[in-house]
Amino acid sequence: MPAAPVEAVGIGLRQPHYAALFEMLPRLGFVEVHSENFFADGGAALAVLRQARDHYPVSLHGVGLA
């Protein structure tokens, strides 16, 4: 089976990996975030989301919406 193109591969953006991601800036198709983690105004989490958006498309994944 052929490998998926890099543009099709994404990762979940998790707090333990923020520093490594932004230091290495690997070629990725997107990053996925749980939208509920970014509902609050401002703060470190929102700054990280903005930084991720500067480098990658962002996919939102709602896990607690009902």
N, C-alpha and C. Protein backbone atom coordinates (compact mmCIF):
# COMPACT_ATOMS: atom_id res chain seq x y z
N MET A 1 0.84 -1.17 0.00
CA MET A 1 0.00 0.00 0.00
C MET A 1 0.89 1.24 0.00
N PRO A 2 0.65 2.21 -0.89
CA PRO A 2 1.49 3.41 -0.91
C PRO A 2 1.22 4.28 0.31
N ALA A 3 2.25 5.00 0.72
CA ALA A 3 2.12 5.91 1.87
C ALA A 3 1.23 7.09 1.51
N ALA A 4 0.51 7.61 2.49
CA ALA A 4 -0.32 8.79 2.28
C ALA A 4 0.59 9.99 2.07
N PRO A 5 0.19 10.91 1.20
CA PRO A 5 1.00 12.12 1.03
C PRO A 5 1.02 12.93 2.32
N VAL A 6 2.11 13.64 2.57
CA VAL A 6 2.25 14.43 3.79
C VAL A 6 1.06 15.36 3.96
N GLU A 7 0.54 15.90 2.88
CA GLU A 7 -0.56 16.85 2.96
C GLU A 7 -1.82 16.22 3.54
N ALA A 8 -1.89 14.91 3.59
CA ALA A 8 -3.06 14.22 4.12
C ALA A 8 -2.88 13.79 5.57
N VAL A 9 -1.70 14.00 6.13
CA VAL A 9 -1.39 13.52 7.47
C VAL A 9 -1.42 14.68 8.46
N GLY A 10 -2.16 14.48 9.54
CA GLY A 10 -2.22 15.49 10.59
C GLY A 10 -2.00 14.84 11.94
N ILE A 11 -1.88 15.69 12.95
CA ILE A 11 -1.70 15.19 14.32
C ILE A 11 -2.64 15.96 15.24
N GLY A 12 -2.90 15.34 16.39
CA GLY A 12 -3.64 16.02 17.44
C GLY A 12 -2.71 16.96 18.18
N LEU A 13 -3.11 18.21 18.31
CA LEU A 13 -2.29 19.20 19.02
C LEU A 13 -2.56 19.07 20.51
N ARG A 14 -1.60 18.54 21.25
CA ARG A 14 -1.74 18.29 22.68
C ARG A 14 -0.70 19.11 23.46
N GLN A 15 -1.11 19.57 24.63
CA GLN A 15 -0.27 20.46 25.44
C GLN A 15 1.14 19.91 25.69
N PRO A 16 1.32 18.62 25.99
CA PRO A 16 2.69 18.15 26.25
C PRO A 16 3.63 18.28 25.05
N HIS A 17 3.08 18.51 23.86
CA HIS A 17 3.90 18.52 22.65
C HIS A 17 4.00 19.90 21.99
N TYR A 18 3.40 20.93 22.58
CA TYR A 18 3.42 22.26 21.97
C TYR A 18 4.85 22.71 21.64
N ALA A 19 5.74 22.67 22.62
CA ALA A 19 7.10 23.19 22.42
C ALA A 19 7.82 22.45 21.30
N ALA A 20 7.76 21.13 21.29
CA ALA A 20 8.46 20.36 20.26
C ALA A 20 7.88 20.65 18.88
N LEU A 21 6.57 20.76 18.79
CA LEU A 21 5.94 21.03 17.50
C LEU A 21 6.43 22.35 16.93
N PHE A 22 6.40 23.41 17.75
CA PHE A 22 6.77 24.72 17.23
C PHE A 22 8.28 24.89 17.06
N GLU A 23 9.05 24.08 17.73
CA GLU A 23 10.50 24.10 17.53
C GLU A 23 10.86 23.39 16.22
N MET A 24 10.22 22.25 15.95
CA MET A 24 10.56 21.45 14.78
C MET A 24 9.77 21.84 13.54
N LEU A 25 8.54 22.30 13.70
CA LEU A 25 7.65 22.63 12.59
C LEU A 25 7.69 21.57 11.48
N PRO A 26 7.29 20.35 11.83
CA PRO A 26 7.31 19.28 10.82
C PRO A 26 6.31 19.56 9.71
N ARG A 27 6.53 18.94 8.56
CA ARG A 27 5.57 19.05 7.45
C ARG A 27 4.34 18.25 7.82
N LEU A 28 3.23 18.92 7.95
CA LEU A 28 1.97 18.28 8.29
C LEU A 28 0.87 18.85 7.41
N GLY A 29 -0.16 18.06 7.21
CA GLY A 29 -1.31 18.54 6.46
C GLY A 29 -2.22 19.39 7.30
N PHE A 30 -2.26 19.12 8.63
CA PHE A 30 -3.13 19.87 9.54
C PHE A 30 -2.82 19.48 10.97
N VAL A 31 -3.34 20.25 11.91
CA VAL A 31 -3.37 19.86 13.31
C VAL A 31 -4.83 19.81 13.74
N GLU A 32 -5.14 18.89 14.63
CA GLU A 32 -6.50 18.75 15.14
C GLU A 32 -6.53 19.17 16.60
N VAL A 33 -7.54 19.93 16.98
CA VAL A 33 -7.69 20.33 18.37
C VAL A 33 -9.10 20.01 18.85
N HIS A 34 -9.24 19.76 20.14
CA HIS A 34 -10.56 19.65 20.75
C HIS A 34 -11.04 21.07 20.99
N SER A 35 -12.09 21.45 20.32
CA SER A 35 -12.55 22.84 20.35
C SER A 35 -12.86 23.31 21.77
N GLU A 36 -13.36 22.43 22.63
CA GLU A 36 -13.70 22.83 24.00
C GLU A 36 -12.50 23.36 24.78
N ASN A 37 -11.30 22.96 24.40
CA ASN A 37 -10.10 23.43 25.09
C ASN A 37 -9.78 24.89 24.80
N PHE A 38 -10.51 25.48 23.86
CA PHE A 38 -10.18 26.84 23.42
C PHE A 38 -11.37 27.79 23.52
N PHE A 39 -12.39 27.43 24.30
CA PHE A 39 -13.58 28.26 24.42
C PHE A 39 -13.34 29.53 25.24
N ALA A 40 -12.45 29.51 26.20
CA ALA A 40 -12.21 30.67 27.07
C ALA A 40 -11.52 31.78 26.28
N ASP A 41 -11.84 33.01 26.61
CA ASP A 41 -11.19 34.15 25.97
C ASP A 41 -9.74 34.27 26.43
N GLY A 42 -8.83 34.49 25.48
CA GLY A 42 -7.44 34.76 25.80
C GLY A 42 -6.71 33.58 26.40
N GLY A 43 -5.62 33.87 27.08
CA GLY A 43 -4.86 32.84 27.76
C GLY A 43 -3.86 32.12 26.87
N ALA A 44 -3.08 31.26 27.51
CA ALA A 44 -2.02 30.54 26.82
C ALA A 44 -2.56 29.61 25.74
N ALA A 45 -3.67 28.92 26.03
CA ALA A 45 -4.21 27.97 25.05
C ALA A 45 -4.59 28.67 23.75
N LEU A 46 -5.24 29.81 23.85
CA LEU A 46 -5.64 30.53 22.65
C LEU A 46 -4.42 31.04 21.88
N ALA A 47 -3.39 31.46 22.58
CA ALA A 47 -2.16 31.90 21.92
C ALA A 47 -1.51 30.75 21.15
N VAL A 48 -1.55 29.55 21.73
CA VAL A 48 -0.99 28.37 21.05
C VAL A 48 -1.81 28.05 19.80
N LEU A 49 -3.13 28.15 19.91
CA LEU A 49 -3.99 27.89 18.75
C LEU A 49 -3.69 28.88 17.63
N ARG A 50 -3.51 30.13 17.98
CA ARG A 50 -3.16 31.14 16.96
C ARG A 50 -1.81 30.83 16.32
N GLN A 51 -0.85 30.40 17.13
CA GLN A 51 0.47 30.06 16.59
C GLN A 51 0.36 28.85 15.66
N ALA A 52 -0.43 27.87 16.05
CA ALA A 52 -0.62 26.70 15.20
C ALA A 52 -1.26 27.11 13.88
N ARG A 53 -2.24 28.00 13.96
CA ARG A 53 -2.94 28.47 12.76
C ARG A 53 -1.99 29.19 11.80
N ASP A 54 -0.96 29.81 12.33
CA ASP A 54 0.03 30.49 11.48
C ASP A 54 0.82 29.50 10.62
N HIS A 55 0.90 28.24 11.07
CA HIS A 55 1.72 27.25 10.38
C HIS A 55 0.95 26.12 9.71
N TYR A 56 -0.26 25.85 10.19
CA TYR A 56 -0.99 24.69 9.71
C TYR A 56 -2.49 24.99 9.61
N PRO A 57 -3.18 24.29 8.71
CA PRO A 57 -4.64 24.30 8.79
C PRO A 57 -5.05 23.64 10.11
N VAL A 58 -6.14 24.12 10.70
CA VAL A 58 -6.61 23.58 11.98
C VAL A 58 -7.95 22.88 11.78
N SER A 59 -8.03 21.66 12.26
CA SER A 59 -9.27 20.88 12.24
C SER A 59 -9.83 20.88 13.66
N LEU A 60 -11.10 21.29 13.80
CA LEU A 60 -11.74 21.32 15.13
C LEU A 60 -12.52 20.03 15.35
N HIS A 61 -12.35 19.47 16.54
CA HIS A 61 -13.01 18.22 16.90
C HIS A 61 -13.75 18.46 18.20
N GLY A 62 -15.07 18.53 18.14
CA GLY A 62 -15.88 18.73 19.33
C GLY A 62 -16.22 17.40 19.98
N VAL A 63 -15.81 17.24 21.23
CA VAL A 63 -16.05 15.97 21.91
C VAL A 63 -17.09 16.09 23.02
N GLY A 64 -17.39 17.30 23.47
CA GLY A 64 -18.31 17.45 24.58
C GLY A 64 -19.56 18.23 24.22
N LEU A 65 -19.79 18.44 22.95
CA LEU A 65 -20.97 19.20 22.54
C LEU A 65 -22.17 18.27 22.47
N ALA A 66 -23.25 18.72 23.06
CA ALA A 66 -24.47 17.91 22.98
C ALA A 66 -25.67 18.81 22.79
